Amino acid sequence: MAEIKINSRTPNEMSRSALIYLLLLAVLVALGLHVLLIAGPAMRVADKQQLEGAIADEDHGFCEMFGMGAGTTKFVACSRALAIIRQKQADRDNAAALGIL
């Protein structure tokens, strides 16, 4: 009569492979927490600063194109008007995303 092997692995091999999987899972969880708690907020701050810089450059170029030099009261008024326009557009975009418009 032939022998049937149900499980050819020894208990030592099974616990070693389970340990490797648990170790891999622990590393993945640690990396996920690092991204979520440490790298994520820093990336958001950097993105916000980059966006603010791009907007300031656009304001500067646009207002100076129409003869309003930086540091003048007309330049400040132009920058404020552009900020209002951007806010209204953002409000329209948010309303459209919610299906209101």
PDB file of N, CA and C in Angstrom:
ATOM      1  N   MET A   1       0.827  -1.167   0.000  1.00  0.00           N
ATOM      2  CA  MET A   1       0.000   0.000   0.000  1.00  0.00           C
ATOM      3  C   MET A   1       0.883   1.247   0.000  1.00  0.00           C
ATOM      4  N   ALA A   2       0.474   2.285  -0.760  1.00  0.00           N
ATOM      5  CA  ALA A   2       1.267   3.506  -0.889  1.00  0.00           C
ATOM      6  C   ALA A   2       0.973   4.452   0.265  1.00  0.00           C
ATOM      7  N   GLU A   3       2.012   5.147   0.659  1.00  0.00           N
ATOM      8  CA  GLU A   3       1.842   6.125   1.727  1.00  0.00           C
ATOM      9  C   GLU A   3       1.394   7.469   1.128  1.00  0.00           C
ATOM     10  N   ILE A   4       0.501   8.116   1.818  1.00  0.00           N
ATOM     11  CA  ILE A   4       0.024   9.434   1.399  1.00  0.00           C
ATOM     12  C   ILE A   4       0.570  10.461   2.384  1.00  0.00           C
ATOM     13  N   LYS A   5       1.316  11.426   1.824  1.00  0.00           N
ATOM     14  CA  LYS A   5       1.855  12.488   2.671  1.00  0.00           C
ATOM     15  C   LYS A   5       0.894  13.671   2.623  1.00  0.00           C
ATOM     16  N   ILE A   6       0.338  13.987   3.759  1.00  0.00           N
ATOM     17  CA  ILE A   6      -0.608  15.101   3.830  1.00  0.00           C
ATOM     18  C   ILE A   6       0.142  16.428   3.898  1.00  0.00           C
ATOM     19  N   ASN A   7       1.129  16.504   4.727  1.00  0.00           N
ATOM     20  CA  ASN A   7       1.898  17.735   4.873  1.00  0.00           C
ATOM     21  C   ASN A   7       3.355  17.349   4.980  1.00  0.00           C
ATOM     22  N   SER A   8       4.133  17.755   3.966  1.00  0.00           N
ATOM     23  CA  SER A   8       5.536  17.371   3.968  1.00  0.00           C
ATOM     24  C   SER A   8       6.413  18.381   4.687  1.00  0.00           C
ATOM     25  N   ARG A   9       5.856  19.480   5.120  1.00  0.00           N
ATOM     26  CA  ARG A   9       6.633  20.484   5.837  1.00  0.00           C
ATOM     27  C   ARG A   9       6.725  20.127   7.306  1.00  0.00           C
ATOM     28  N   THR A  10       7.854  20.457   7.854  1.00  0.00           N
ATOM     29  CA  THR A  10       8.021  20.232   9.291  1.00  0.00           C
ATOM     30  C   THR A  10       7.479  21.439  10.038  1.00  0.00           C
ATOM     31  N   PRO A  11       7.156  21.286  11.285  1.00  0.00           N
ATOM     32  CA  PRO A  11       6.646  22.423  12.059  1.00  0.00           C
ATOM     33  C   PRO A  11       7.636  23.593  12.094  1.00  0.00           C
ATOM     34  N   ASN A  12       8.925  23.306  12.077  1.00  0.00           N
ATOM     35  CA  ASN A  12       9.936  24.365  12.082  1.00  0.00           C
ATOM     36  C   ASN A  12       9.846  25.209  10.806  1.00  0.00           C
ATOM     37  N   GLU A  13       9.690  24.557   9.648  1.00  0.00           N
ATOM     38  CA  GLU A  13       9.594  25.284   8.388  1.00  0.00           C
ATOM     39  C   GLU A  13       8.328  26.136   8.333  1.00  0.00           C
ATOM     40  N   MET A  14       7.245  25.619   8.868  1.00  0.00           N
ATOM     41  CA  MET A  14       5.991  26.368   8.864  1.00  0.00           C
ATOM     42  C   MET A  14       6.096  27.600   9.743  1.00  0.00           C
ATOM     43  N   SER A  15       6.680  27.478  10.915  1.00  0.00           N
ATOM     44  CA  SER A  15       6.776  28.627  11.797  1.00  0.00           C
ATOM     45  C   SER A  15       7.762  29.653  11.230  1.00  0.00           C
ATOM     46  N   ARG A  16       8.791  29.195  10.518  1.00  0.00           N
ATOM     47  CA  ARG A  16       9.745  30.113   9.920  1.00  0.00           C
ATOM     48  C   ARG A  16       9.088  30.924   8.800  1.00  0.00           C
ATOM     49  N   SER A  17       8.294  30.285   7.951  1.00  0.00           N
ATOM     50  CA  SER A  17       7.626  31.022   6.878  1.00  0.00           C
ATOM     51  C   SER A  17       6.549  31.958   7.448  1.00  0.00           C
ATOM     52  N   ALA A  18       5.865  31.532   8.499  1.00  0.00           N
ATOM     53  CA  ALA A  18       4.880  32.404   9.134  1.00  0.00           C
ATOM     54  C   ALA A  18       5.570  33.620   9.748  1.00  0.00           C
ATOM     55  N   LEU A  19       6.742  33.415  10.324  1.00  0.00           N
ATOM     56  CA  LEU A  19       7.505  34.514  10.910  1.00  0.00           C
ATOM     57  C   LEU A  19       7.943  35.505   9.825  1.00  0.00           C
ATOM     58  N   ILE A  20       8.351  34.995   8.680  1.00  0.00           N
ATOM     59  CA  ILE A  20       8.759  35.863   7.572  1.00  0.00           C
ATOM     60  C   ILE A  20       7.577  36.697   7.101  1.00  0.00           C
ATOM     61  N   TYR A  21       6.412  36.092   6.958  1.00  0.00           N
ATOM     62  CA  TYR A  21       5.224  36.833   6.536  1.00  0.00           C
ATOM     63  C   TYR A  21       4.824  37.896   7.565  1.00  0.00           C
ATOM     64  N   LEU A  22       4.902  37.544   8.835  1.00  0.00           N
ATOM     65  CA  LEU A  22       4.577  38.515   9.881  1.00  0.00           C
ATOM     66  C   LEU A  22       5.580  39.666   9.904  1.00  0.00           C
ATOM     67  N   LEU A  23       6.841  39.351   9.688  1.00  0.00           N
ATOM     68  CA  LEU A  23       7.870  40.383   9.632  1.00  0.00           C
ATOM     69  C   LEU A  23       7.637  41.305   8.437  1.00  0.00           C
ATOM     70  N   LEU A  24       7.309  40.753   7.302  1.00  0.00           N
ATOM     71  CA  LEU A  24       7.002  41.553   6.118  1.00  0.00           C
ATOM     72  C   LEU A  24       5.782  42.436   6.368  1.00  0.00           C
ATOM     73  N   LEU A  25       4.778  41.894   6.989  1.00  0.00           N
ATOM     74  CA  LEU A  25       3.582  42.671   7.309  1.00  0.00           C
ATOM     75  C   LEU A  25       3.915  43.807   8.273  1.00  0.00           C
ATOM     76  N   ALA A  26       4.744  43.541   9.271  1.00  0.00           N
ATOM     77  CA  ALA A  26       5.139  44.575  10.228  1.00  0.00           C
ATOM     78  C   ALA A  26       5.909  45.702   9.540  1.00  0.00           C
ATOM     79  N   VAL A  27       6.782  45.360   8.598  1.00  0.00           N
ATOM     80  CA  VAL A  27       7.537  46.376   7.860  1.00  0.00           C
ATOM     81  C   VAL A  27       6.591  47.220   7.016  1.00  0.00           C
ATOM     82  N   LEU A  28       5.636  46.596   6.355  1.00  0.00           N
ATOM     83  CA  LEU A  28       4.675  47.333   5.543  1.00  0.00           C
ATOM     84  C   LEU A  28       3.812  48.263   6.398  1.00  0.00           C
ATOM     85  N   VAL A  29       3.393  47.807   7.549  1.00  0.00           N
ATOM     86  CA  VAL A  29       2.606  48.646   8.449  1.00  0.00           C
ATOM     87  C   VAL A  29       3.443  49.825   8.936  1.00  0.00           C
ATOM     88  N   ALA A  30       4.708  49.575   9.268  1.00  0.00           N
ATOM     89  CA  ALA A  30       5.586  50.653   9.733  1.00  0.00           C
ATOM     90  C   ALA A  30       5.789  51.693   8.634  1.00  0.00           C
ATOM     91  N   LEU A  31       5.995  51.242   7.410  1.00  0.00           N
ATOM     92  CA  LEU A  31       6.159  52.186   6.300  1.00  0.00           C
ATOM     93  C   LEU A  31       4.880  52.979   6.067  1.00  0.00           C
ATOM     94  N   GLY A  32       3.749  52.333   6.148  1.00  0.00           N
ATOM     95  CA  GLY A  32       2.470  53.017   5.972  1.00  0.00           C
ATOM     96  C   GLY A  32       2.252  54.078   7.038  1.00  0.00           C
ATOM     97  N   LEU A  33       2.567  53.759   8.269  1.00  0.00           N
ATOM     98  CA  LEU A  33       2.431  54.735   9.354  1.00  0.00           C
ATOM     99  C   LEU A  33       3.397  55.902   9.177  1.00  0.00           C
ATOM    100  N   HIS A  34       4.594  55.598   8.692  1.00  0.00           N
ATOM    101  CA  HIS A  34       5.571  56.668   8.446  1.00  0.00           C
ATOM    102  C   HIS A  34       5.044  57.649   7.404  1.00  0.00           C
ATOM    103  N   VAL A  35       4.519  57.118   6.319  1.00  0.00           N
ATOM    104  CA  VAL A  35       3.977  57.981   5.263  1.00  0.00           C
ATOM    105  C   VAL A  35       2.787  58.763   5.786  1.00  0.00           C
ATOM    106  N   LEU A  36       1.912  58.093   6.515  1.00  0.00           N
ATOM    107  CA  LEU A  36       0.693  58.726   7.018  1.00  0.00           C
ATOM    108  C   LEU A  36       0.975  59.811   8.052  1.00  0.00           C
ATOM    109  N   LEU A  37       1.892  59.554   8.965  1.00  0.00           N
ATOM    110  CA  LEU A  37       2.086  60.458  10.096  1.00  0.00           C
ATOM    111  C   LEU A  37       3.251  61.432   9.940  1.00  0.00           C
ATOM    112  N   ILE A  38       4.277  61.073   9.177  1.00  0.00           N
ATOM    113  CA  ILE A  38       5.465  61.921   9.108  1.00  0.00           C
ATOM    114  C   ILE A  38       5.630  62.541   7.727  1.00  0.00           C
ATOM    115  N   ALA A  39       5.724  61.724   6.707  1.00  0.00           N
ATOM    116  CA  ALA A  39       6.000  62.243   5.370  1.00  0.00           C
ATOM    117  C   ALA A  39       4.790  62.944   4.764  1.00  0.00           C
ATOM    118  N   GLY A  40       3.597  62.460   5.030  1.00  0.00           N
ATOM    119  CA  GLY A  40       2.392  63.046   4.456  1.00  0.00           C
ATOM    120  C   GLY A  40       2.196  64.512   4.810  1.00  0.00           C
ATOM    121  N   PRO A  41       2.194  64.864   6.087  1.00  0.00           N
ATOM    122  CA  PRO A  41       2.019  66.279   6.437  1.00  0.00           C
ATOM    123  C   PRO A  41       3.131  67.170   5.873  1.00  0.00           C
ATOM    124  N   ALA A  42       4.365  66.682   5.865  1.00  0.00           N
ATOM    125  CA  ALA A  42       5.468  67.477   5.315  1.00  0.00           C
ATOM    126  C   ALA A  42       5.273  67.703   3.818  1.00  0.00           C
ATOM    127  N   MET A  43       4.786  66.695   3.118  1.00  0.00           N
ATOM    128  CA  MET A  43       4.538  66.839   1.680  1.00  0.00           C
ATOM    129  C   MET A  43       3.404  67.830   1.428  1.00  0.00           C
ATOM    130  N   ARG A  44       2.371  67.799   2.272  1.00  0.00           N
ATOM    131  CA  ARG A  44       1.271  68.748   2.108  1.00  0.00           C
ATOM    132  C   ARG A  44       1.735  70.187   2.337  1.00  0.00           C
ATOM    133  N   VAL A  45       2.583  70.399   3.329  1.00  0.00           N
ATOM    134  CA  VAL A  45       3.110  71.745   3.589  1.00  0.00           C
ATOM    135  C   VAL A  45       3.946  72.219   2.409  1.00  0.00           C
ATOM    136  N   ALA A  46       4.796  71.344   1.879  1.00  0.00           N
ATOM    137  CA  ALA A  46       5.628  71.715   0.728  1.00  0.00           C
ATOM    138  C   ALA A  46       4.771  72.024  -0.491  1.00  0.00           C
ATOM    139  N   ASP A  47       3.728  71.231  -0.715  1.00  0.00           N
ATOM    140  CA  ASP A  47       2.826  71.482  -1.843  1.00  0.00           C
ATOM    141  C   ASP A  47       2.108  72.816  -1.685  1.00  0.00           C
ATOM    142  N   LYS A  48       1.677  73.120  -0.466  1.00  0.00           N
ATOM    143  CA  LYS A  48       0.980  74.384  -0.219  1.00  0.00           C
ATOM    144  C   LYS A  48       1.903  75.569  -0.473  1.00  0.00           C
ATOM    145  N   GLN A  49       3.159  75.462  -0.013  1.00  0.00           N
ATOM    146  CA  GLN A  49       4.122  76.537  -0.240  1.00  0.00           C
ATOM    147  C   GLN A  49       4.410  76.716  -1.727  1.00  0.00           C
ATOM    148  N   GLN A  50       4.509  75.610  -2.438  1.00  0.00           N
ATOM    149  CA  GLN A  50       4.762  75.691  -3.877  1.00  0.00           C
ATOM    150  C   GLN A  50       3.582  76.344  -4.597  1.00  0.00           C
ATOM    151  N   LEU A  51       2.368  75.995  -4.201  1.00  0.00           N
ATOM    152  CA  LEU A  51       1.181  76.599  -4.809  1.00  0.00           C
ATOM    153  C   LEU A  51       1.120  78.094  -4.517  1.00  0.00           C
ATOM    154  N   GLU A  52       1.393  78.470  -3.273  1.00  0.00           N
ATOM    155  CA  GLU A  52       1.381  79.889  -2.914  1.00  0.00           C
ATOM    156  C   GLU A  52       2.426  80.664  -3.705  1.00  0.00           C
ATOM    157  N   GLY A  53       3.591  80.066  -3.908  1.00  0.00           N
ATOM    158  CA  GLY A  53       4.633  80.715  -4.696  1.00  0.00           C
ATOM    159  C   GLY A  53       4.231  80.879  -6.146  1.00  0.00           C
ATOM    160  N   ALA A  54       3.602  79.846  -6.706  1.00  0.00           N
ATOM    161  CA  ALA A  54       3.145  79.924  -8.100  1.00  0.00           C
ATOM    162  C   ALA A  54       2.072  80.994  -8.264  1.00  0.00           C
ATOM    163  N   ILE A  55       1.153  81.074  -7.306  1.00  0.00           N
ATOM    164  CA  ILE A  55       0.100  82.095  -7.367  1.00  0.00           C
ATOM    165  C   ILE A  55       0.706  83.494  -7.256  1.00  0.00           C
ATOM    166  N   ALA A  56       1.679  83.665  -6.359  1.00  0.00           N
ATOM    167  CA  ALA A  56       2.329  84.976  -6.215  1.00  0.00           C
ATOM    168  C   ALA A  56       3.052  85.363  -7.501  1.00  0.00           C
ATOM    169  N   ASP A  57       3.709  84.402  -8.139  1.00  0.00           N
ATOM    170  CA  ASP A  57       4.384  84.685  -9.410  1.00  0.00           C
ATOM    171  C   ASP A  57       3.387  85.079 -10.491  1.00  0.00           C
ATOM    172  N   GLU A  58       2.259  84.368 -10.548  1.00  0.00           N
ATOM    173  CA  GLU A  58       1.221  84.704 -11.530  1.00  0.00           C
ATOM    174  C   GLU A  58       0.659  86.102 -11.278  1.00  0.00           C
ATOM    175  N   ASP A  59       0.368  86.405 -10.020  1.00  0.00           N
ATOM    176  CA  ASP A  59      -0.141  87.742  -9.677  1.00  0.00           C
ATOM    177  C   ASP A  59       0.857  88.817 -10.087  1.00  0.00           C
ATOM    178  N   HIS A  60       2.116  88.581  -9.770  1.00  0.00           N
ATOM    179  CA  HIS A  60       3.162  89.547 -10.070  1.00  0.00           C
ATOM    180  C   HIS A  60       3.239  89.785 -11.586  1.00  0.00           C
ATOM    181  N   GLY A  61       3.283  88.702 -12.343  1.00  0.00           N
ATOM    182  CA  GLY A  61       3.375  88.831 -13.798  1.00  0.00           C
ATOM    183  C   GLY A  61       2.152  89.489 -14.402  1.00  0.00           C
ATOM    184  N   PHE A  62       0.973  89.106 -13.933  1.00  0.00           N
ATOM    185  CA  PHE A  62      -0.271  89.650 -14.486  1.00  0.00           C
ATOM    186  C   PHE A  62      -0.410  91.136 -14.182  1.00  0.00           C
ATOM    187  N   CYS A  63      -0.200  91.514 -12.926  1.00  0.00           N
ATOM    188  CA  CYS A  63      -0.381  92.916 -12.536  1.00  0.00           C
ATOM    189  C   CYS A  63       0.679  93.811 -13.177  1.00  0.00           C
ATOM    190  N   GLU A  64       1.918  93.334 -13.272  1.00  0.00           N
ATOM    191  CA  GLU A  64       2.950  94.139 -13.913  1.00  0.00           C
ATOM    192  C   GLU A  64       2.722  94.267 -15.416  1.00  0.00           C
ATOM    193  N   MET A  65       2.075  93.273 -16.011  1.00  0.00           N
ATOM    194  CA  MET A  65       1.774  93.331 -17.437  1.00  0.00           C
ATOM    195  C   MET A  65       0.856  94.524 -17.735  1.00  0.00           C
ATOM    196  N   PHE A  66       0.048  94.898 -16.768  1.00  0.00           N
ATOM    197  CA  PHE A  66      -0.860  96.030 -16.946  1.00  0.00           C
ATOM    198  C   PHE A  66      -0.343  97.293 -16.256  1.00  0.00           C
ATOM    199  N   GLY A  67       0.957  97.365 -16.014  1.00  0.00           N
ATOM    200  CA  GLY A  67       1.593  98.576 -15.525  1.00  0.00           C
ATOM    201  C   GLY A  67       1.478  98.826 -14.040  1.00  0.00           C
ATOM    202  N   MET A  68       1.162  97.801 -13.264  1.00  0.00           N
ATOM    203  CA  MET A  68       1.053  97.973 -11.812  1.00  0.00           C
ATOM    204  C   MET A  68       2.281  97.335 -11.169  1.00  0.00           C
ATOM    205  N   GLY A  69       3.279  98.150 -10.894  1.00  0.00           N
ATOM    206  CA  GLY A  69       4.533  97.651 -10.333  1.00  0.00           C
ATOM    207  C   GLY A  69       4.365  97.110  -8.930  1.00  0.00           C
ATOM    208  N   ALA A  70       5.222  96.154  -8.598  1.00  0.00           N
ATOM    209  CA  ALA A  70       5.189  95.549  -7.266  1.00  0.00           C
ATOM    210  C   ALA A  70       5.465  96.604  -6.208  1.00  0.00           C
ATOM    211  N   GLY A  71       4.749  96.537  -5.112  1.00  0.00           N
ATOM    212  CA  GLY A  71       4.937  97.467  -4.014  1.00  0.00           C
ATOM    213  C   GLY A  71       4.039  98.692  -4.075  1.00  0.00           C
ATOM    214  N   THR A  72       3.314  98.860  -5.168  1.00  0.00           N
ATOM    215  CA  THR A  72       2.415 100.012  -5.274  1.00  0.00           C
ATOM    216  C   THR A  72       1.036  99.642  -4.756  1.00  0.00           C
ATOM    217  N   THR A  73       0.228 100.641  -4.475  1.00  0.00           N
ATOM    218  CA  THR A  73      -1.133 100.372  -4.006  1.00  0.00           C
ATOM    219  C   THR A  73      -1.969  99.733  -5.113  1.00  0.00           C
ATOM    220  N   LYS A  74      -1.687 100.093  -6.364  1.00  0.00           N
ATOM    221  CA  LYS A  74      -2.424  99.474  -7.482  1.00  0.00           C
ATOM    222  C   LYS A  74      -2.091  97.985  -7.582  1.00  0.00           C
ATOM    223  N   PHE A  75      -0.844  97.643  -7.315  1.00  0.00           N
ATOM    224  CA  PHE A  75      -0.438  96.235  -7.349  1.00  0.00           C
ATOM    225  C   PHE A  75      -1.157  95.446  -6.264  1.00  0.00           C
ATOM    226  N   VAL A  76      -1.253  96.018  -5.077  1.00  0.00           N
ATOM    227  CA  VAL A  76      -1.953  95.360  -3.962  1.00  0.00           C
ATOM    228  C   VAL A  76      -3.427  95.164  -4.315  1.00  0.00           C
ATOM    229  N   ALA A  77      -4.032  96.194  -4.897  1.00  0.00           N
ATOM    230  CA  ALA A  77      -5.444  96.087  -5.286  1.00  0.00           C
ATOM    231  C   ALA A  77      -5.623  95.032  -6.366  1.00  0.00           C
ATOM    232  N   CYS A  78      -4.689  94.983  -7.313  1.00  0.00           N
ATOM    233  CA  CYS A  78      -4.759  93.975  -8.379  1.00  0.00           C
ATOM    234  C   CYS A  78      -4.642  92.564  -7.796  1.00  0.00           C
ATOM    235  N   SER A  79      -3.712  92.367  -6.872  1.00  0.00           N
ATOM    236  CA  SER A  79      -3.530  91.051  -6.242  1.00  0.00           C
ATOM    237  C   SER A  79      -4.779  90.633  -5.470  1.00  0.00           C
ATOM    238  N   ARG A  80      -5.391  91.573  -4.773  1.00  0.00           N
ATOM    239  CA  ARG A  80      -6.628  91.261  -4.036  1.00  0.00           C
ATOM    240  C   ARG A  80      -7.755  90.884  -4.990  1.00  0.00           C
ATOM    241  N   ALA A  81      -7.858  91.613  -6.094  1.00  0.00           N
ATOM    242  CA  ALA A  81      -8.900  91.303  -7.082  1.00  0.00           C
ATOM    243  C   ALA A  81      -8.687  89.918  -7.674  1.00  0.00           C
ATOM    244  N   LEU A  82      -7.443  89.557  -7.939  1.00  0.00           N
ATOM    245  CA  LEU A  82      -7.152  88.214  -8.459  1.00  0.00           C
ATOM    246  C   LEU A  82      -7.487  87.139  -7.426  1.00  0.00           C
ATOM    247  N   ALA A  83      -7.240  87.428  -6.151  1.00  0.00           N
ATOM    248  CA  ALA A  83      -7.579  86.469  -5.095  1.00  0.00           C
ATOM    249  C   ALA A  83      -9.085  86.256  -5.024  1.00  0.00           C
ATOM    250  N   ILE A  84      -9.849  87.317  -5.202  1.00  0.00           N
ATOM    251  CA  ILE A  84     -11.317  87.208  -5.195  1.00  0.00           C
ATOM    252  C   ILE A  84     -11.783  86.383  -6.381  1.00  0.00           C
ATOM    253  N   ILE A  85     -11.184  86.628  -7.542  1.00  0.00           N
ATOM    254  CA  ILE A  85     -11.546  85.863  -8.736  1.00  0.00           C
ATOM    255  C   ILE A  85     -11.235  84.384  -8.521  1.00  0.00           C
ATOM    256  N   ARG A  86     -10.066  84.080  -7.969  1.00  0.00           N
ATOM    257  CA  ARG A  86      -9.694  82.677  -7.711  1.00  0.00           C
ATOM    258  C   ARG A  86     -10.669  82.028  -6.725  1.00  0.00           C
ATOM    259  N   GLN A  87     -11.071  82.762  -5.698  1.00  0.00           N
ATOM    260  CA  GLN A  87     -11.995  82.209  -4.704  1.00  0.00           C
ATOM    261  C   GLN A  87     -13.360  81.919  -5.320  1.00  0.00           C
ATOM    262  N   LYS A  88     -13.837  82.845  -6.144  1.00  0.00           N
ATOM    263  CA  LYS A  88     -15.131  82.622  -6.804  1.00  0.00           C
ATOM    264  C   LYS A  88     -15.070  81.404  -7.717  1.00  0.00           C
ATOM    265  N   GLN A  89     -13.945  81.236  -8.417  1.00  0.00           N
ATOM    266  CA  GLN A  89     -13.804  80.072  -9.285  1.00  0.00           C
ATOM    267  C   GLN A  89     -13.761  78.788  -8.463  1.00  0.00           C
ATOM    268  N   ALA A  90     -13.070  78.821  -7.337  1.00  0.00           N
ATOM    269  CA  ALA A  90     -13.021  77.649  -6.464  1.00  0.00           C
ATOM    270  C   ALA A  90     -14.410  77.313  -5.929  1.00  0.00           C
ATOM    271  N   ASP A  91     -15.184  78.341  -5.576  1.00  0.00           N
ATOM    272  CA  ASP A  91     -16.553  78.120  -5.107  1.00  0.00           C
ATOM    273  C   ASP A  91     -17.406  77.489  -6.205  1.00  0.00           C
ATOM    274  N   ARG A  92     -17.257  77.972  -7.445  1.00  0.00           N
ATOM    275  CA  ARG A  92     -17.999  77.391  -8.562  1.00  0.00           C
ATOM    276  C   ARG A  92     -17.589  75.933  -8.798  1.00  0.00           C
ATOM    277  N   ASP A  93     -16.290  75.656  -8.726  1.00  0.00           N
ATOM    278  CA  ASP A  93     -15.813  74.293  -8.908  1.00  0.00           C
ATOM    279  C   ASP A  93     -16.346  73.364  -7.839  1.00  0.00           C
ATOM    280  N   ASN A  94     -16.354  73.839  -6.585  1.00  0.00           N
ATOM    281  CA  ASN A  94     -16.877  73.010  -5.491  1.00  0.00           C
ATOM    282  C   ASN A  94     -18.383  72.778  -5.656  1.00  0.00           C
ATOM    283  N   ALA A  95     -19.118  73.792  -6.066  1.00  0.00           N
ATOM    284  CA  ALA A  95     -20.547  73.634  -6.269  1.00  0.00           C
ATOM    285  C   ALA A  95     -20.819  72.658  -7.412  1.00  0.00           C
ATOM    286  N   ALA A  96     -20.032  72.750  -8.459  1.00  0.00           N
ATOM    287  CA  ALA A  96     -20.215  71.821  -9.586  1.00  0.00           C
ATOM    288  C   ALA A  96     -19.894  70.390  -9.172  1.00  0.00           C
ATOM    289  N   ALA A  97     -18.881  70.227  -8.335  1.00  0.00           N
ATOM    290  CA  ALA A  97     -18.523  68.889  -7.865  1.00  0.00           C
ATOM    291  C   ALA A  97     -19.627  68.298  -6.983  1.00  0.00           C
ATOM    292  N   LEU A  98     -20.335  69.154  -6.261  1.00  0.00           N
ATOM    293  CA  LEU A  98     -21.425  68.681  -5.419  1.00  0.00           C
ATOM    294  C   LEU A  98     -22.739  68.531  -6.180  1.00  0.00           C
ATOM    295  N   GLY A  99     -22.730  68.961  -7.441  1.00  0.00           N
ATOM    296  CA  GLY A  99     -23.928  68.834  -8.261  1.00  0.00           C
ATOM    297  C   GLY A  99     -24.906  69.960  -8.086  1.00  0.00           C
ATOM    298  N   ILE A 100     -24.493  71.041  -7.477  1.00  0.00           N
ATOM    299  CA  ILE A 100     -25.395  72.171  -7.244  1.00  0.00           C
ATOM    300  C   ILE A 100     -25.592  72.971  -8.526  1.00  0.00           C
ATOM    301  N   LEU A 101     -24.526  73.113  -9.295  1.00  0.00           N
ATOM    302  CA  LEU A 101     -24.615  73.873 -10.549  1.00  0.00           C
ATOM    303  C   LEU A 101     -24.998  72.992 -11.708  1.00  0.00           C
TER     304      LEU A 101
END
